[in-house]
Amino acid sequence: MADEQNKLLERITIIEGLMGGKPTIRGNRFTVIDILELLSSGMTNEEILEEHPILERDDIKAALLFSARQLRDDYIYE
């Protein structure tokens, strides 16, 4: 499972100067935050993929995994 997760995380790129250095999907102008906002608006994976053909199903998985790891590693519990 760790290998699969590492492979997914390879889809997340942080490139200085691209989208303000925010994490993007495969070096495109599509950020992890964009995917999270689409999901939180109620769109399904299928709707996102249909509306944004540049994305692949594993990109959505990668965005969720990346976000979960960021929260786990960076969140301060009070």
N, C-alpha and C. Protein backbone atom coordinates (compact mmCIF):
# COMPACT_ATOMS: atom_id res chain seq x y z
N MET A 1 0.82 -1.19 0.00
CA MET A 1 0.00 0.00 0.00
C MET A 1 0.86 1.26 0.00
N ALA A 2 1.99 1.23 0.68
CA ALA A 2 2.88 2.39 0.72
C ALA A 2 3.40 2.73 -0.67
N ASP A 3 3.71 1.70 -1.46
CA ASP A 3 4.18 1.95 -2.82
C ASP A 3 3.11 2.62 -3.67
N GLU A 4 1.86 2.18 -3.51
CA GLU A 4 0.76 2.77 -4.26
C GLU A 4 0.56 4.23 -3.86
N GLN A 5 0.65 4.50 -2.56
CA GLN A 5 0.49 5.87 -2.09
C GLN A 5 1.64 6.75 -2.58
N ASN A 6 2.85 6.24 -2.54
CA ASN A 6 3.99 7.01 -3.04
C ASN A 6 3.85 7.32 -4.52
N LYS A 7 3.34 6.36 -5.27
CA LYS A 7 3.12 6.59 -6.70
C LYS A 7 2.07 7.68 -6.92
N LEU A 8 1.02 7.66 -6.12
CA LEU A 8 0.00 8.71 -6.21
C LEU A 8 0.60 10.07 -5.89
N LEU A 9 1.41 10.13 -4.85
CA LEU A 9 1.98 11.41 -4.43
C LEU A 9 2.95 11.99 -5.46
N GLU A 10 3.49 11.15 -6.33
CA GLU A 10 4.36 11.64 -7.40
C GLU A 10 3.59 12.55 -8.36
N ARG A 11 2.28 12.46 -8.37
CA ARG A 11 1.44 13.29 -9.23
C ARG A 11 1.36 14.73 -8.72
N ILE A 12 1.69 14.92 -7.45
CA ILE A 12 1.62 16.26 -6.86
C ILE A 12 2.97 16.93 -7.06
N THR A 13 2.93 18.12 -7.68
CA THR A 13 4.16 18.85 -7.95
C THR A 13 4.07 20.24 -7.34
N ILE A 14 5.20 20.68 -6.82
CA ILE A 14 5.31 22.04 -6.31
C ILE A 14 6.43 22.70 -7.09
N ILE A 15 6.05 23.64 -7.94
CA ILE A 15 6.99 24.28 -8.83
C ILE A 15 6.97 25.79 -8.54
N GLU A 16 8.11 26.31 -8.15
CA GLU A 16 8.21 27.73 -7.85
C GLU A 16 7.75 28.54 -9.06
N GLY A 17 6.88 29.48 -8.82
CA GLY A 17 6.38 30.33 -9.89
C GLY A 17 5.13 29.81 -10.57
N LEU A 18 4.80 28.55 -10.38
CA LEU A 18 3.57 28.00 -10.96
C LEU A 18 2.48 28.02 -9.91
N MET A 19 1.44 28.77 -10.18
CA MET A 19 0.28 28.88 -9.27
C MET A 19 0.72 29.31 -7.87
N GLY A 20 1.68 30.21 -7.82
CA GLY A 20 2.13 30.74 -6.54
C GLY A 20 2.85 29.73 -5.67
N GLY A 21 3.37 28.67 -6.28
CA GLY A 21 4.06 27.63 -5.52
C GLY A 21 3.15 26.67 -4.80
N LYS A 22 1.85 26.74 -5.10
CA LYS A 22 0.90 25.81 -4.48
C LYS A 22 1.06 24.43 -5.11
N PRO A 23 0.71 23.38 -4.37
CA PRO A 23 0.77 22.03 -4.93
C PRO A 23 -0.19 21.90 -6.12
N THR A 24 0.34 21.42 -7.22
CA THR A 24 -0.45 21.25 -8.43
C THR A 24 -0.46 19.78 -8.85
N ILE A 25 -1.31 19.51 -9.82
CA ILE A 25 -1.43 18.16 -10.35
C ILE A 25 -0.56 18.03 -11.59
N ARG A 26 0.45 17.19 -11.50
CA ARG A 26 1.33 16.84 -12.62
C ARG A 26 1.87 18.07 -13.35
N GLY A 27 2.18 19.13 -12.60
CA GLY A 27 2.79 20.30 -13.20
C GLY A 27 1.84 21.15 -14.02
N ASN A 28 0.55 20.86 -13.95
CA ASN A 28 -0.45 21.64 -14.67
C ASN A 28 -0.94 22.79 -13.80
N ARG A 29 -1.71 23.65 -14.39
CA ARG A 29 -2.28 24.78 -13.65
C ARG A 29 -3.58 24.37 -12.95
N PHE A 30 -3.56 23.23 -12.34
CA PHE A 30 -4.70 22.71 -11.60
C PHE A 30 -4.19 22.34 -10.21
N THR A 31 -4.64 23.06 -9.19
CA THR A 31 -4.09 22.85 -7.85
C THR A 31 -4.86 21.78 -7.07
N VAL A 32 -4.20 21.29 -6.04
CA VAL A 32 -4.84 20.36 -5.11
C VAL A 32 -6.08 21.03 -4.52
N ILE A 33 -5.95 22.31 -4.19
CA ILE A 33 -7.08 23.04 -3.61
C ILE A 33 -8.26 23.07 -4.58
N ASP A 34 -7.99 23.22 -5.86
CA ASP A 34 -9.07 23.22 -6.85
C ASP A 34 -9.88 21.93 -6.76
N ILE A 35 -9.19 20.81 -6.67
CA ILE A 35 -9.88 19.52 -6.59
C ILE A 35 -10.69 19.43 -5.30
N LEU A 36 -10.11 19.84 -4.20
CA LEU A 36 -10.83 19.78 -2.92
C LEU A 36 -12.08 20.66 -2.96
N GLU A 37 -11.97 21.83 -3.56
CA GLU A 37 -13.14 22.71 -3.64
C GLU A 37 -14.23 22.11 -4.53
N LEU A 38 -13.83 21.46 -5.62
CA LEU A 38 -14.83 20.82 -6.48
C LEU A 38 -15.55 19.70 -5.72
N LEU A 39 -14.78 18.90 -5.00
CA LEU A 39 -15.39 17.81 -4.22
C LEU A 39 -16.29 18.37 -3.13
N SER A 40 -15.85 19.43 -2.46
CA SER A 40 -16.66 19.98 -1.36
C SER A 40 -17.92 20.67 -1.88
N SER A 41 -17.92 21.05 -3.16
CA SER A 41 -19.13 21.65 -3.73
C SER A 41 -20.18 20.60 -4.05
N GLY A 42 -19.80 19.33 -3.92
CA GLY A 42 -20.75 18.25 -4.16
C GLY A 42 -20.54 17.52 -5.48
N MET A 43 -19.56 17.94 -6.24
CA MET A 43 -19.31 17.24 -7.51
C MET A 43 -18.77 15.85 -7.23
N THR A 44 -19.16 14.90 -8.05
CA THR A 44 -18.63 13.55 -7.95
C THR A 44 -17.32 13.47 -8.73
N ASN A 45 -16.58 12.41 -8.49
CA ASN A 45 -15.35 12.19 -9.25
C ASN A 45 -15.65 12.20 -10.75
N GLU A 46 -16.72 11.52 -11.13
CA GLU A 46 -17.07 11.41 -12.53
C GLU A 46 -17.38 12.78 -13.14
N GLU A 47 -18.10 13.62 -12.39
CA GLU A 47 -18.41 14.97 -12.88
C GLU A 47 -17.15 15.81 -13.03
N ILE A 48 -16.26 15.69 -12.08
CA ILE A 48 -14.99 16.44 -12.16
C ILE A 48 -14.20 16.00 -13.38
N LEU A 49 -14.10 14.71 -13.58
CA LEU A 49 -13.33 14.19 -14.72
C LEU A 49 -13.96 14.58 -16.05
N GLU A 50 -15.27 14.61 -16.09
CA GLU A 50 -15.97 14.98 -17.32
C GLU A 50 -15.77 16.47 -17.61
N GLU A 51 -15.85 17.29 -16.57
CA GLU A 51 -15.73 18.74 -16.76
C GLU A 51 -14.29 19.19 -16.98
N HIS A 52 -13.34 18.41 -16.47
CA HIS A 52 -11.92 18.77 -16.55
C HIS A 52 -11.13 17.59 -17.13
N PRO A 53 -11.15 17.43 -18.45
CA PRO A 53 -10.53 16.25 -19.07
C PRO A 53 -9.02 16.15 -18.87
N ILE A 54 -8.38 17.23 -18.41
CA ILE A 54 -6.94 17.16 -18.13
C ILE A 54 -6.66 16.28 -16.92
N LEU A 55 -7.68 16.09 -16.08
CA LEU A 55 -7.50 15.30 -14.86
C LEU A 55 -7.76 13.82 -15.11
N GLU A 56 -7.11 13.02 -14.28
CA GLU A 56 -7.30 11.56 -14.28
C GLU A 56 -7.79 11.15 -12.89
N ARG A 57 -8.43 10.01 -12.83
CA ARG A 57 -8.99 9.53 -11.56
C ARG A 57 -7.92 9.51 -10.46
N ASP A 58 -6.72 9.08 -10.78
CA ASP A 58 -5.66 9.02 -9.77
C ASP A 58 -5.23 10.41 -9.31
N ASP A 59 -5.49 11.45 -10.11
CA ASP A 59 -5.18 12.81 -9.67
C ASP A 59 -6.06 13.20 -8.48
N ILE A 60 -7.31 12.80 -8.54
CA ILE A 60 -8.23 13.10 -7.43
C ILE A 60 -7.79 12.34 -6.18
N LYS A 61 -7.45 11.07 -6.34
CA LYS A 61 -6.95 10.29 -5.21
C LYS A 61 -5.69 10.91 -4.63
N ALA A 62 -4.81 11.36 -5.50
CA ALA A 62 -3.55 11.97 -5.06
C ALA A 62 -3.81 13.25 -4.28
N ALA A 63 -4.75 14.07 -4.74
CA ALA A 63 -5.07 15.31 -4.05
C ALA A 63 -5.60 15.03 -2.64
N LEU A 64 -6.45 14.03 -2.52
CA LEU A 64 -7.00 13.68 -1.22
C LEU A 64 -5.92 13.12 -0.29
N LEU A 65 -5.08 12.26 -0.82
CA LEU A 65 -4.01 11.68 -0.02
C LEU A 65 -3.03 12.76 0.44
N PHE A 66 -2.64 13.63 -0.48
CA PHE A 66 -1.72 14.72 -0.15
C PHE A 66 -2.31 15.59 0.95
N SER A 67 -3.57 15.95 0.82
CA SER A 67 -4.22 16.80 1.80
C SER A 67 -4.30 16.13 3.16
N ALA A 68 -4.65 14.86 3.16
CA ALA A 68 -4.74 14.12 4.42
C ALA A 68 -3.38 14.07 5.11
N ARG A 69 -2.35 13.85 4.35
CA ARG A 69 -1.00 13.80 4.95
C ARG A 69 -0.58 15.16 5.46
N GLN A 70 -0.92 16.21 4.73
CA GLN A 70 -0.58 17.56 5.19
C GLN A 70 -1.26 17.86 6.51
N LEU A 71 -2.53 17.52 6.61
CA LEU A 71 -3.25 17.77 7.85
C LEU A 71 -2.70 16.93 8.99
N ARG A 72 -2.40 15.69 8.71
CA ARG A 72 -1.87 14.82 9.75
C ARG A 72 -0.52 15.34 10.25
N ASP A 73 0.30 15.81 9.33
CA ASP A 73 1.65 16.23 9.70
C ASP A 73 1.71 17.66 10.24
N ASP A 74 0.82 18.54 9.78
CA ASP A 74 0.92 19.96 10.12
C ASP A 74 -0.11 20.45 11.11
N TYR A 75 -1.17 19.71 11.33
CA TYR A 75 -2.26 20.20 12.18
C TYR A 75 -1.80 20.22 13.64
N ILE A 76 -2.11 21.32 14.30
CA ILE A 76 -1.77 21.46 15.72
C ILE A 76 -3.03 21.20 16.53
N TYR A 77 -2.99 20.19 17.36
CA TYR A 77 -4.13 19.84 18.19
C TYR A 77 -4.07 20.62 19.49
N GLU A 78 -5.18 21.22 19.87
CA GLU A 78 -5.20 21.98 21.13
C GLU A 78 -6.15 21.33 22.10
